[in-house]
Amino acid sequence: MSPTVHLLLGGLVLLCSYRLDKLTEACSCALSHPQDAYCSSDIVIRAKVVGKKLLKDGPFGTMRYTVKQMKMYKGFNKMKHVQYIHTDASESLCGVKFEMNKYQYLITGRVYDGKVYTGLCNFNEKWDRLTLAQRKGLNHRYQLGCNCRIKPCYSLPCFVTSKNECLWTDLLSYIGYPGHQSRHYTCIQQKEGFCSWYRGWAPPDKTIINATDP
């Protein structure tokens, strides 16, 4: 059995781990709130996949997806328009598979050497599976909370340790991921640097948020 190794993608160590067991490799990823995925990504877009090509580089090759970009939520400072998404061709190395000419996807990734890369450890989801709160988060709310820290709680008791933290308790639920906070809440910074969970239908004021605990 080979030791656990980490995939380095554009200077970012993805939270993927690999273990070789009887010639079988697997990819596993640490769970993250969609807001964290947004804030840590270089590129966040809504797009439809319209083509693919296997590039013969690396041990298993790289899959290059051609996308029709519908909207860019983050990444204007990196590139004006995304035409290609790159990912490892092997799912065991955290490569992600998209269906062509069928769905619109929310795709997040990092930019390396002028190319967009994504994988199973990034937040990639069919657009129609996103909640209204998640879509609002992509439009403006997640950005308001990028200075906050979402602190996972794996077992009780657990507490926030600084004013810029929101306690993420989805991982305590027997129902599993994604949980209620992931689907409906945003951790947003308020006055004096305090962060708290926010859920609301009207666009939040950019200076102060009336928070509602999940």
Protein backbone atom coordinates (compact mmCIF):
# COMPACT_ATOMS: atom_id res chain seq x y z
CA MET A 1 0.00 0.00 0.00
CA SER A 2 1.46 3.33 -1.03
CA PRO A 3 1.52 6.29 1.38
CA THR A 4 -0.99 9.08 1.11
CA VAL A 5 0.09 11.78 -1.30
CA HIS A 6 -1.28 15.21 -2.02
CA LEU A 7 -2.06 16.73 -5.39
CA LEU A 8 -0.47 20.14 -5.96
CA LEU A 9 -2.50 22.25 -8.37
CA GLY A 10 -1.31 25.71 -9.20
CA GLY A 11 0.40 26.20 -5.85
CA LEU A 12 -2.72 25.06 -4.00
CA VAL A 13 -2.63 21.78 -2.13
CA LEU A 14 -6.03 20.29 -2.80
CA LEU A 15 -7.64 18.40 0.01
CA CYS A 16 -7.45 15.14 -1.91
CA SER A 17 -5.78 11.95 -0.72
CA TYR A 18 -4.83 8.89 -2.61
CA ARG A 19 -4.21 5.36 -1.34
CA LEU A 20 -3.08 2.41 -3.46
CA ASP A 21 -4.61 -0.86 -2.34
CA LYS A 22 -4.40 -3.94 -4.54
CA LEU A 23 -3.80 -1.77 -7.63
CA THR A 24 -6.94 0.26 -6.90
CA GLU A 25 -6.65 4.00 -6.34
CA ALA A 26 -9.31 6.23 -4.82
CA CYS A 27 -9.84 9.96 -4.40
CA SER A 28 -11.20 11.40 -1.18
CA CYS A 29 -11.83 15.05 -0.37
CA ALA A 30 -12.35 17.00 2.82
CA LEU A 31 -15.86 18.46 2.91
CA SER A 32 -16.19 22.22 2.65
CA HIS A 33 -18.98 24.77 2.72
CA PRO A 34 -19.83 26.23 -0.74
CA GLN A 35 -18.79 29.66 0.54
CA ASP A 36 -15.30 28.35 1.29
CA ALA A 37 -15.19 26.78 -2.16
CA TYR A 38 -16.15 30.11 -3.71
CA CYS A 39 -13.66 32.15 -1.70
CA SER A 40 -10.72 29.79 -2.33
CA SER A 41 -11.34 29.52 -6.10
CA ASP A 42 -9.77 31.66 -8.81
CA ILE A 43 -12.65 31.01 -11.20
CA VAL A 44 -16.37 30.50 -10.54
CA ILE A 45 -18.65 30.17 -13.58
CA ARG A 46 -21.96 28.76 -14.76
CA ALA A 47 -21.42 26.90 -18.02
CA LYS A 48 -22.58 24.14 -20.31
CA VAL A 49 -20.09 21.53 -21.48
CA VAL A 50 -20.14 21.22 -25.27
CA GLY A 51 -17.04 19.17 -26.06
CA LYS A 52 -14.08 17.25 -24.68
CA LYS A 53 -10.63 16.10 -25.74
CA LEU A 54 -8.08 13.84 -24.04
CA LEU A 55 -4.67 15.49 -23.90
CA LYS A 56 -1.77 13.10 -23.60
CA ASP A 57 0.15 14.67 -20.75
CA GLY A 58 0.92 13.17 -17.37
CA PRO A 59 0.54 9.49 -16.41
CA PHE A 60 -3.18 9.26 -17.26
CA GLY A 61 -3.62 12.31 -19.45
CA THR A 62 -5.68 15.44 -18.95
CA MET A 63 -9.28 15.85 -20.06
CA ARG A 64 -9.94 19.23 -21.63
CA TYR A 65 -13.62 20.20 -21.64
CA THR A 66 -14.87 22.90 -23.98
CA VAL A 67 -17.52 24.98 -22.23
CA LYS A 68 -20.08 27.58 -23.21
CA GLN A 69 -19.88 30.11 -20.40
CA MET A 70 -23.23 31.48 -19.28
CA LYS A 71 -22.03 33.70 -16.45
CA MET A 72 -18.85 34.42 -14.52
CA TYR A 73 -19.21 35.01 -10.76
CA LYS A 74 -15.53 35.26 -9.91
CA GLY A 75 -12.32 35.47 -11.87
CA PHE A 76 -12.60 38.64 -13.90
CA ASN A 77 -9.08 39.55 -12.81
CA LYS A 78 -7.76 36.22 -14.11
CA MET A 79 -9.47 35.99 -17.51
CA LYS A 80 -12.42 37.61 -19.23
CA HIS A 81 -13.95 34.41 -20.58
CA VAL A 82 -13.46 30.70 -19.92
CA GLN A 83 -13.42 28.43 -22.95
CA TYR A 84 -11.71 25.32 -21.56
CA ILE A 85 -11.78 23.47 -18.26
CA HIS A 86 -8.94 21.02 -17.52
CA THR A 87 -9.11 18.09 -15.13
CA ASP A 88 -7.23 14.85 -14.59
CA ALA A 89 -8.52 12.13 -16.91
CA SER A 90 -8.53 9.63 -14.03
CA GLU A 91 -11.25 9.87 -11.36
CA SER A 92 -8.87 8.08 -8.99
CA LEU A 93 -6.67 11.19 -9.20
CA CYS A 94 -9.64 13.45 -8.48
CA GLY A 95 -10.55 14.08 -12.10
CA VAL A 96 -14.15 15.19 -12.56
CA LYS A 97 -16.48 14.04 -15.36
CA PHE A 98 -19.03 16.37 -16.95
CA GLU A 99 -21.86 15.35 -19.25
CA MET A 100 -21.88 17.10 -22.60
CA ASN A 101 -24.74 19.14 -24.07
CA LYS A 102 -27.07 18.18 -21.25
CA TYR A 103 -26.76 20.29 -18.10
CA GLN A 104 -25.60 23.68 -16.99
CA TYR A 105 -22.95 23.36 -14.27
CA LEU A 106 -21.60 25.55 -11.53
CA ILE A 107 -17.84 25.07 -11.94
CA THR A 108 -15.10 26.29 -9.62
CA GLY A 109 -11.38 26.00 -10.20
CA ARG A 110 -7.90 27.43 -10.05
CA VAL A 111 -5.88 29.12 -12.77
CA TYR A 112 -2.41 27.79 -13.49
CA ASP A 113 -0.25 28.88 -16.42
CA GLY A 114 -3.25 30.56 -18.03
CA LYS A 115 -5.46 27.45 -17.85
CA VAL A 116 -8.43 26.63 -15.59
CA TYR A 117 -8.17 23.40 -13.62
CA THR A 118 -10.81 21.69 -11.51
CA GLY A 119 -11.35 18.33 -9.81
CA LEU A 120 -13.53 16.31 -7.51
CA CYS A 121 -12.30 18.32 -4.52
CA ASN A 122 -13.59 21.53 -6.06
CA PHE A 123 -17.25 22.56 -5.83
CA ASN A 124 -18.83 21.47 -9.14
CA GLU A 125 -22.57 20.93 -9.26
CA LYS A 126 -25.45 20.79 -11.73
CA TRP A 127 -27.02 24.23 -11.70
CA ASP A 128 -30.57 23.00 -11.12
CA ARG A 129 -29.45 21.28 -7.91
CA LEU A 130 -28.34 24.51 -6.27
CA THR A 131 -30.69 26.12 -3.77
CA LEU A 132 -31.91 29.71 -4.12
CA ALA A 133 -29.65 30.69 -1.21
CA GLN A 134 -26.62 29.16 -2.93
CA ARG A 135 -27.38 31.03 -6.14
CA LYS A 136 -27.73 34.29 -4.19
CA GLY A 137 -24.46 33.45 -2.48
CA LEU A 138 -22.69 33.17 -5.81
CA ASN A 139 -24.09 36.51 -6.95
CA HIS A 140 -22.97 38.59 -3.97
CA ARG A 141 -23.27 37.05 -0.49
CA TYR A 142 -20.33 34.64 -0.48
CA GLN A 143 -18.00 37.48 -1.44
CA LEU A 144 -19.16 39.45 1.63
CA GLY A 145 -17.96 36.60 3.84
CA CYS A 146 -14.56 35.81 2.39
CA ASN A 147 -12.89 37.45 5.40
CA CYS A 148 -14.79 35.09 7.69
CA ARG A 149 -13.73 31.59 8.66
CA ILE A 150 -16.19 28.69 8.58
CA LYS A 151 -15.10 26.34 11.35
CA PRO A 152 -16.19 22.70 10.96
CA CYS A 153 -17.64 20.94 14.00
CA TYR A 154 -17.12 17.18 13.85
CA SER A 155 -18.15 16.26 17.40
CA LEU A 156 -19.60 18.02 20.41
CA PRO A 157 -18.67 20.15 22.22
CA CYS A 158 -17.23 22.63 19.75
CA PHE A 159 -16.91 26.40 19.94
CA VAL A 160 -15.82 29.40 17.91
CA THR A 161 -12.50 30.77 19.10
CA SER A 162 -12.44 34.16 17.38
CA LYS A 163 -14.95 36.80 16.32
CA ASN A 164 -14.52 36.07 12.61
CA GLU A 165 -15.66 32.43 12.86
CA CYS A 166 -18.99 30.74 12.10
CA LEU A 167 -19.51 27.28 13.54
CA TRP A 168 -20.39 24.80 10.79
CA THR A 169 -22.45 21.98 12.32
CA ASP A 170 -23.66 20.18 9.18
CA LEU A 171 -21.06 17.49 9.77
CA LEU A 172 -22.81 16.47 13.01
CA SER A 173 -25.99 15.49 11.17
CA TYR A 174 -26.71 11.86 10.48
CA ILE A 175 -28.37 12.95 7.25
CA GLY A 176 -24.96 13.82 5.83
CA TYR A 177 -23.57 16.34 3.38
CA PRO A 178 -24.68 18.77 2.10
CA GLY A 179 -26.50 19.93 5.18
CA HIS A 180 -28.81 22.80 6.03
CA GLN A 181 -26.09 25.41 6.56
CA SER A 182 -24.39 24.44 3.31
CA ARG A 183 -27.61 24.78 1.35
CA HIS A 184 -29.20 27.83 2.98
CA TYR A 185 -26.71 29.96 4.95
CA THR A 186 -23.82 32.33 4.39
CA CYS A 187 -21.24 33.37 6.97
CA ILE A 188 -21.03 37.17 6.65
CA GLN A 189 -18.92 39.77 8.42
CA GLN A 190 -20.84 42.41 10.35
CA LYS A 191 -19.82 45.49 12.29
CA GLU A 192 -16.59 45.38 14.28
CA GLY A 193 -15.42 42.31 12.37
CA PHE A 194 -17.86 39.82 13.87
CA CYS A 195 -19.06 37.05 11.57
CA SER A 196 -22.35 35.19 11.86
CA TRP A 197 -24.66 33.04 9.78
CA TYR A 198 -27.10 34.87 7.55
CA ARG A 199 -30.23 33.70 5.81
CA GLY A 200 -32.63 36.10 4.14
CA TRP A 201 -34.51 36.75 0.96
CA ALA A 202 -33.75 40.47 0.48
CA PRO A 203 -30.22 41.42 -0.63
CA PRO A 204 -28.15 42.00 2.54
CA ASP A 205 -26.94 45.46 3.44
CA LYS A 206 -23.21 45.67 2.82
CA THR A 207 -22.44 47.28 6.17
CA ILE A 208 -24.52 45.27 8.62
CA ILE A 209 -26.45 42.02 8.52
CA ASN A 210 -29.28 40.95 10.79
CA ALA A 211 -28.17 37.38 11.32
CA THR A 212 -30.42 34.43 11.94
CA ASP A 213 -28.83 31.42 13.57
CA PRO A 214 -29.34 28.14 11.73
